[in-house]
Amino acid sequence: MNMLIYLIPIALFMGGMGLAAFLWSLKNGQYDDLQGAAWRILADDETDPPKP
């Protein structure tokens, strides 16, 4: 039972840090272009074919 005195604040702190990281990523635009990465995979930007 004494361990709960330590574990509950640690869990709340870690949850708060995760929430802060998520809000920071939202503020910095990490989720603005969700389709761009999918289209960049399909784009063929190479001008010269790879040499064997």
PDB file of N, CA and C in Angstrom:
ATOM      1  N   MET A   1       0.815  -1.194   0.000  1.00  0.00           N
ATOM      2  CA  MET A   1       0.000   0.000   0.000  1.00  0.00           C
ATOM      3  C   MET A   1       0.863   1.264   0.000  1.00  0.00           C
ATOM      4  N   ASN A   2       2.025   1.178   0.624  1.00  0.00           N
ATOM      5  CA  ASN A   2       2.896   2.345   0.667  1.00  0.00           C
ATOM      6  C   ASN A   2       3.453   2.686  -0.707  1.00  0.00           C
ATOM      7  N   MET A   3       3.551   1.686  -1.590  1.00  0.00           N
ATOM      8  CA  MET A   3       4.080   1.956  -2.929  1.00  0.00           C
ATOM      9  C   MET A   3       3.128   2.817  -3.744  1.00  0.00           C
ATOM     10  N   LEU A   4       1.834   2.779  -3.453  1.00  0.00           N
ATOM     11  CA  LEU A   4       0.876   3.607  -4.191  1.00  0.00           C
ATOM     12  C   LEU A   4       1.146   5.093  -3.981  1.00  0.00           C
ATOM     13  N   ILE A   5       1.714   5.442  -2.852  1.00  0.00           N
ATOM     14  CA  ILE A   5       2.048   6.841  -2.584  1.00  0.00           C
ATOM     15  C   ILE A   5       3.071   7.338  -3.613  1.00  0.00           C
ATOM     16  N   TYR A   6       3.923   6.456  -4.090  1.00  0.00           N
ATOM     17  CA  TYR A   6       4.936   6.819  -5.086  1.00  0.00           C
ATOM     18  C   TYR A   6       4.454   6.581  -6.509  1.00  0.00           C
ATOM     19  N   LEU A   7       3.727   5.488  -6.717  1.00  0.00           N
ATOM     20  CA  LEU A   7       3.357   5.106  -8.075  1.00  0.00           C
ATOM     21  C   LEU A   7       2.283   6.007  -8.683  1.00  0.00           C
ATOM     22  N   ILE A   8       1.326   6.457  -7.903  1.00  0.00           N
ATOM     23  CA  ILE A   8       0.257   7.299  -8.455  1.00  0.00           C
ATOM     24  C   ILE A   8       0.805   8.642  -8.951  1.00  0.00           C
ATOM     25  N   PRO A   9       1.615   9.370  -8.181  1.00  0.00           N
ATOM     26  CA  PRO A   9       2.175  10.621  -8.741  1.00  0.00           C
ATOM     27  C   PRO A   9       3.094  10.392  -9.933  1.00  0.00           C
ATOM     28  N   ILE A  10       3.850   9.308  -9.929  1.00  0.00           N
ATOM     29  CA  ILE A  10       4.715   9.012 -11.071  1.00  0.00           C
ATOM     30  C   ILE A  10       3.868   8.756 -12.312  1.00  0.00           C
ATOM     31  N   ALA A  11       2.781   7.987 -12.173  1.00  0.00           N
ATOM     32  CA  ALA A  11       1.905   7.704 -13.307  1.00  0.00           C
ATOM     33  C   ALA A  11       1.232   8.980 -13.813  1.00  0.00           C
ATOM     34  N   LEU A  12       0.790   9.833 -12.897  1.00  0.00           N
ATOM     35  CA  LEU A  12       0.178  11.096 -13.315  1.00  0.00           C
ATOM     36  C   LEU A  12       1.187  12.002 -14.017  1.00  0.00           C
ATOM     37  N   PHE A  13       2.413  12.033 -13.520  1.00  0.00           N
ATOM     38  CA  PHE A  13       3.459  12.843 -14.148  1.00  0.00           C
ATOM     39  C   PHE A  13       3.768  12.329 -15.553  1.00  0.00           C
ATOM     40  N   MET A  14       3.898  11.018 -15.702  1.00  0.00           N
ATOM     41  CA  MET A  14       4.199  10.457 -17.026  1.00  0.00           C
ATOM     42  C   MET A  14       3.043  10.677 -17.993  1.00  0.00           C
ATOM     43  N   GLY A  15       1.808  10.578 -17.514  1.00  0.00           N
ATOM     44  CA  GLY A  15       0.657  10.873 -18.364  1.00  0.00           C
ATOM     45  C   GLY A  15       0.622  12.332 -18.789  1.00  0.00           C
ATOM     46  N   GLY A  16       0.965  13.220 -17.856  1.00  0.00           N
ATOM     47  CA  GLY A  16       1.027  14.644 -18.183  1.00  0.00           C
ATOM     48  C   GLY A  16       2.116  14.952 -19.200  1.00  0.00           C
ATOM     49  N   MET A  17       3.243  14.271 -19.078  1.00  0.00           N
ATOM     50  CA  MET A  17       4.320  14.472 -20.049  1.00  0.00           C
ATOM     51  C   MET A  17       3.895  13.981 -21.437  1.00  0.00           C
ATOM     52  N   GLY A  18       3.199  12.869 -21.490  1.00  0.00           N
ATOM     53  CA  GLY A  18       2.697  12.375 -22.774  1.00  0.00           C
ATOM     54  C   GLY A  18       1.693  13.328 -23.388  1.00  0.00           C
ATOM     55  N   LEU A  19       0.805  13.870 -22.564  1.00  0.00           N
ATOM     56  CA  LEU A  19      -0.166  14.842 -23.059  1.00  0.00           C
ATOM     57  C   LEU A  19       0.527  16.112 -23.540  1.00  0.00           C
ATOM     58  N   ALA A  20       1.534  16.559 -22.796  1.00  0.00           N
ATOM     59  CA  ALA A  20       2.277  17.748 -23.208  1.00  0.00           C
ATOM     60  C   ALA A  20       2.998  17.515 -24.533  1.00  0.00           C
ATOM     61  N   ALA A  21       3.578  16.332 -24.721  1.00  0.00           N
ATOM     62  CA  ALA A  21       4.257  16.024 -25.983  1.00  0.00           C
ATOM     63  C   ALA A  21       3.266  15.982 -27.143  1.00  0.00           C
ATOM     64  N   PHE A  22       2.082  15.434 -26.905  1.00  0.00           N
ATOM     65  CA  PHE A  22       1.061  15.382 -27.950  1.00  0.00           C
ATOM     66  C   PHE A  22       0.590  16.786 -28.319  1.00  0.00           C
ATOM     67  N   LEU A  23       0.341  17.624 -27.321  1.00  0.00           N
ATOM     68  CA  LEU A  23      -0.097  18.988 -27.607  1.00  0.00           C
ATOM     69  C   LEU A  23       0.999  19.786 -28.305  1.00  0.00           C
ATOM     70  N   TRP A  24       2.248  19.549 -27.930  1.00  0.00           N
ATOM     71  CA  TRP A  24       3.366  20.214 -28.607  1.00  0.00           C
ATOM     72  C   TRP A  24       3.413  19.815 -30.081  1.00  0.00           C
ATOM     73  N   SER A  25       3.208  18.512 -30.369  1.00  0.00           N
ATOM     74  CA  SER A  25       3.248  18.069 -31.757  1.00  0.00           C
ATOM     75  C   SER A  25       2.078  18.637 -32.554  1.00  0.00           C
ATOM     76  N   LEU A  26       0.928  18.792 -31.926  1.00  0.00           N
ATOM     77  CA  LEU A  26      -0.196  19.431 -32.614  1.00  0.00           C
ATOM     78  C   LEU A  26       0.109  20.887 -32.936  1.00  0.00           C
ATOM     79  N   LYS A  27       0.712  21.593 -31.984  1.00  0.00           N
ATOM     80  CA  LYS A  27       1.027  23.012 -32.184  1.00  0.00           C
ATOM     81  C   LYS A  27       2.053  23.210 -33.286  1.00  0.00           C
ATOM     82  N   ASN A  28       2.981  22.270 -33.435  1.00  0.00           N
ATOM     83  CA  ASN A  28       4.036  22.401 -34.437  1.00  0.00           C
ATOM     84  C   ASN A  28       3.666  21.818 -35.790  1.00  0.00           C
ATOM     85  N   GLY A  29       2.438  21.361 -35.975  1.00  0.00           N
ATOM     86  CA  GLY A  29       1.973  20.944 -37.288  1.00  0.00           C
ATOM     87  C   GLY A  29       2.405  19.552 -37.718  1.00  0.00           C
ATOM     88  N   GLN A  30       2.631  18.650 -36.791  1.00  0.00           N
ATOM     89  CA  GLN A  30       3.062  17.303 -37.151  1.00  0.00           C
ATOM     90  C   GLN A  30       1.972  16.525 -37.862  1.00  0.00           C
ATOM     91  N   TYR A  31       0.722  16.893 -37.684  1.00  0.00           N
ATOM     92  CA  TYR A  31      -0.390  16.131 -38.249  1.00  0.00           C
ATOM     93  C   TYR A  31      -1.118  16.895 -39.349  1.00  0.00           C
ATOM     94  N   ASP A  32      -0.491  17.912 -39.908  1.00  0.00           N
ATOM     95  CA  ASP A  32      -1.153  18.728 -40.921  1.00  0.00           C
ATOM     96  C   ASP A  32      -1.284  18.011 -42.256  1.00  0.00           C
ATOM     97  N   ASP A  33      -0.266  17.269 -42.668  1.00  0.00           N
ATOM     98  CA  ASP A  33      -0.260  16.645 -43.994  1.00  0.00           C
ATOM     99  C   ASP A  33      -0.184  15.128 -43.834  1.00  0.00           C
ATOM    100  N   LEU A  34      -1.330  14.501 -43.610  1.00  0.00           N
ATOM    101  CA  LEU A  34      -1.338  13.055 -43.391  1.00  0.00           C
ATOM    102  C   LEU A  34      -1.241  12.270 -44.699  1.00  0.00           C
ATOM    103  N   GLN A  35      -1.689  12.842 -45.804  1.00  0.00           N
ATOM    104  CA  GLN A  35      -1.666  12.136 -47.075  1.00  0.00           C
ATOM    105  C   GLN A  35      -0.361  12.348 -47.835  1.00  0.00           C
ATOM    106  N   GLY A  36       0.419  13.337 -47.478  1.00  0.00           N
ATOM    107  CA  GLY A  36       1.644  13.661 -48.213  1.00  0.00           C
ATOM    108  C   GLY A  36       2.661  12.541 -48.192  1.00  0.00           C
ATOM    109  N   ALA A  37       2.858  11.910 -47.038  1.00  0.00           N
ATOM    110  CA  ALA A  37       3.831  10.830 -46.944  1.00  0.00           C
ATOM    111  C   ALA A  37       3.413   9.642 -47.814  1.00  0.00           C
ATOM    112  N   ALA A  38       2.134   9.366 -47.868  1.00  0.00           N
ATOM    113  CA  ALA A  38       1.655   8.257 -48.690  1.00  0.00           C
ATOM    114  C   ALA A  38       1.904   8.524 -50.176  1.00  0.00           C
ATOM    115  N   TRP A  39       1.715   9.758 -50.601  1.00  0.00           N
ATOM    116  CA  TRP A  39       1.947  10.079 -52.012  1.00  0.00           C
ATOM    117  C   TRP A  39       3.430  10.163 -52.344  1.00  0.00           C
ATOM    118  N   ARG A  40       4.263  10.562 -51.386  1.00  0.00           N
ATOM    119  CA  ARG A  40       5.705  10.630 -51.637  1.00  0.00           C
ATOM    120  C   ARG A  40       6.301   9.248 -51.837  1.00  0.00           C
ATOM    121  N   ILE A  41       5.715   8.229 -51.235  1.00  0.00           N
ATOM    122  CA  ILE A  41       6.202   6.867 -51.439  1.00  0.00           C
ATOM    123  C   ILE A  41       5.999   6.455 -52.892  1.00  0.00           C
ATOM    124  N   LEU A  42       4.887   6.863 -53.479  1.00  0.00           N
ATOM    125  CA  LEU A  42       4.552   6.465 -54.843  1.00  0.00           C
ATOM    126  C   LEU A  42       5.239   7.315 -55.899  1.00  0.00           C
ATOM    127  N   ALA A  43       5.739   8.482 -55.541  1.00  0.00           N
ATOM    128  CA  ALA A  43       6.362   9.378 -56.510  1.00  0.00           C
ATOM    129  C   ALA A  43       7.712   8.821 -56.953  1.00  0.00           C
ATOM    130  N   ASP A  44       7.969   8.923 -58.253  1.00  0.00           N
ATOM    131  CA  ASP A  44       9.235   8.456 -58.812  1.00  0.00           C
ATOM    132  C   ASP A  44      10.072   9.685 -59.158  1.00  0.00           C
ATOM    133  N   ASP A  45      10.934  10.097 -58.239  1.00  0.00           N
ATOM    134  CA  ASP A  45      11.729  11.307 -58.428  1.00  0.00           C
ATOM    135  C   ASP A  45      13.115  11.045 -58.994  1.00  0.00           C
ATOM    136  N   GLU A  46      13.481   9.807 -59.185  1.00  0.00           N
ATOM    137  CA  GLU A  46      14.811   9.498 -59.688  1.00  0.00           C
ATOM    138  C   GLU A  46      14.893   9.812 -61.176  1.00  0.00           C
ATOM    139  N   THR A  47      15.947  10.527 -61.581  1.00  0.00           N
ATOM    140  CA  THR A  47      16.106  10.848 -62.993  1.00  0.00           C
ATOM    141  C   THR A  47      16.958   9.801 -63.702  1.00  0.00           C
ATOM    142  N   ASP A  48      17.947   9.251 -63.017  1.00  0.00           N
ATOM    143  CA  ASP A  48      18.807   8.216 -63.597  1.00  0.00           C
ATOM    144  C   ASP A  48      18.490   6.871 -62.940  1.00  0.00           C
ATOM    145  N   PRO A  49      18.457   5.811 -63.737  1.00  0.00           N
ATOM    146  CA  PRO A  49      18.237   4.500 -63.115  1.00  0.00           C
ATOM    147  C   PRO A  49      19.466   4.102 -62.284  1.00  0.00           C
ATOM    148  N   PRO A  50      19.262   3.355 -61.224  1.00  0.00           N
ATOM    149  CA  PRO A  50      20.397   2.942 -60.394  1.00  0.00           C
ATOM    150  C   PRO A  50      21.343   2.030 -61.176  1.00  0.00           C
ATOM    151  N   LYS A  51      22.644   2.197 -60.948  1.00  0.00           N
ATOM    152  CA  LYS A  51      23.642   1.385 -61.648  1.00  0.00           C
ATOM    153  C   LYS A  51      23.857   0.093 -60.878  1.00  0.00           C
ATOM    154  N   PRO A  52      23.967  -1.033 -61.595  1.00  0.00           N
ATOM    155  CA  PRO A  52      24.162  -2.327 -60.910  1.00  0.00           C
ATOM    156  C   PRO A  52      25.501  -2.493 -60.273  1.00  0.00           C
TER     157      PRO A  52
END
